């Protein structure tokens, strides 16, 4: 769905190691007893995985920054992908 919509997607399940990863993370002390919330070093590790993926995606795609939001539609660049102005952003 994300790919079809042109959105980025990060698969945490795959990044953690797939099947059995939650048990391994818990055994390593990275998860709270509820097996939902990471703790301490688990938070650091998951945050690093997300940051690495974001940076790799940006570098691999030759990212071009989106045009800056403008204060009015008249100032918006012609052909702007989003067509959004500052007024349109909630």
Protein backbone atom coordinates (compact mmCIF):
# COMPACT_ATOMS: atom_id res chain seq x y z
CA UNK A 1 0.00 0.00 0.00
CA UNK A 2 2.80 2.41 0.89
CA UNK A 3 4.67 1.71 -2.33
CA UNK A 4 1.52 2.20 -4.41
CA UNK A 5 0.97 5.55 -2.69
CA UNK A 6 4.56 6.67 -3.14
CA UNK A 7 5.22 6.59 0.61
CA UNK A 8 8.21 5.28 2.45
CA UNK A 9 7.79 2.09 4.46
CA UNK A 10 9.99 0.58 7.13
CA UNK A 11 9.43 -3.08 7.95
CA UNK A 12 10.41 -3.34 11.61
CA UNK A 13 9.65 -7.08 11.64
CA UNK A 14 12.20 -7.71 8.89
CA UNK A 15 14.72 -5.25 10.35
CA UNK A 16 14.59 -7.06 13.69
CA UNK A 17 15.34 -10.39 12.02
CA UNK A 18 11.95 -11.83 11.04
CA UNK A 19 10.50 -14.94 12.63
CA UNK A 20 11.55 -15.40 16.26
CA UNK A 21 13.06 -11.93 16.52
CA UNK A 22 10.75 -10.77 19.29
CA UNK A 23 11.76 -13.73 21.46
CA UNK A 24 15.43 -13.02 20.75
CA UNK A 25 15.00 -9.35 21.59
CA UNK A 26 13.22 -10.24 24.82
CA UNK A 27 15.87 -12.79 25.76
CA UNK A 28 18.56 -10.14 25.19
CA UNK A 29 16.72 -7.80 27.58
CA UNK A 30 15.61 -5.38 24.88
CA UNK A 31 11.86 -5.72 25.52
CA UNK A 32 9.60 -5.07 28.51
CA UNK A 33 7.63 -8.02 29.86
CA UNK A 34 4.57 -6.97 27.81
CA UNK A 35 6.54 -7.90 24.66
CA UNK A 36 5.26 -4.72 23.03
CA UNK A 37 7.48 -1.94 24.30
CA UNK A 38 11.24 -1.93 23.86
CA UNK A 39 13.39 -0.75 26.72
CA UNK A 40 16.73 1.05 27.06
CA UNK A 41 19.18 -0.52 24.65
CA UNK A 42 16.31 -2.03 22.65
CA UNK A 43 15.01 1.49 22.01
CA UNK A 44 18.48 2.59 20.98
CA UNK A 45 18.89 -0.36 18.62
CA UNK A 46 15.48 0.04 16.98
CA UNK A 47 16.02 3.78 16.64
CA UNK A 48 19.36 3.15 14.96
CA UNK A 49 17.76 0.66 12.55
CA UNK A 50 15.15 3.25 11.54
CA UNK A 51 17.72 6.04 11.22
CA UNK A 52 20.03 3.86 9.11
CA UNK A 53 17.15 2.89 6.82
CA UNK A 54 16.07 6.51 6.38
CA UNK A 55 19.58 7.65 5.55
CA UNK A 56 20.18 4.72 3.19
CA UNK A 57 16.89 5.39 1.42
CA UNK A 58 17.74 9.04 1.04
CA UNK A 59 21.25 8.31 -0.27
CA UNK A 60 20.12 5.52 -2.60
CA UNK A 61 17.34 7.53 -4.15
CA UNK A 62 19.46 10.62 -4.78
CA UNK A 63 16.90 12.47 -2.77
CA UNK A 64 15.84 15.83 -3.98
CA UNK A 65 14.29 17.91 -1.21
CA UNK A 66 10.61 18.65 -1.68
CA UNK A 67 9.85 22.24 -2.61
CA UNK A 68 9.37 24.45 0.40
CA UNK A 69 5.83 25.30 1.39
CA UNK A 70 4.82 28.77 0.36
CA UNK A 71 2.59 31.27 2.07
CA UNK A 72 0.15 31.49 -0.84
CA UNK A 73 -0.86 29.59 -3.94
CA UNK A 74 0.49 32.37 -6.15
CA UNK A 75 4.00 31.81 -4.79
CA UNK A 76 3.88 28.01 -5.24
CA UNK A 77 6.31 26.63 -7.83
CA UNK A 78 4.67 25.60 -11.09
CA UNK A 79 4.29 21.83 -11.30
CA UNK A 80 4.77 21.36 -7.56
CA UNK A 81 4.25 17.68 -6.77
CA UNK A 82 2.10 18.27 -3.70
CA UNK A 83 0.48 21.55 -4.68
CA UNK A 84 0.20 22.28 -0.97
CA UNK A 85 0.71 25.67 0.53
CA UNK A 86 1.26 26.57 4.14
CA UNK A 87 -2.48 27.22 4.50
CA UNK A 88 -3.25 23.66 3.37
CA UNK A 89 -1.07 22.00 5.97
CA UNK A 90 -2.92 21.18 9.19
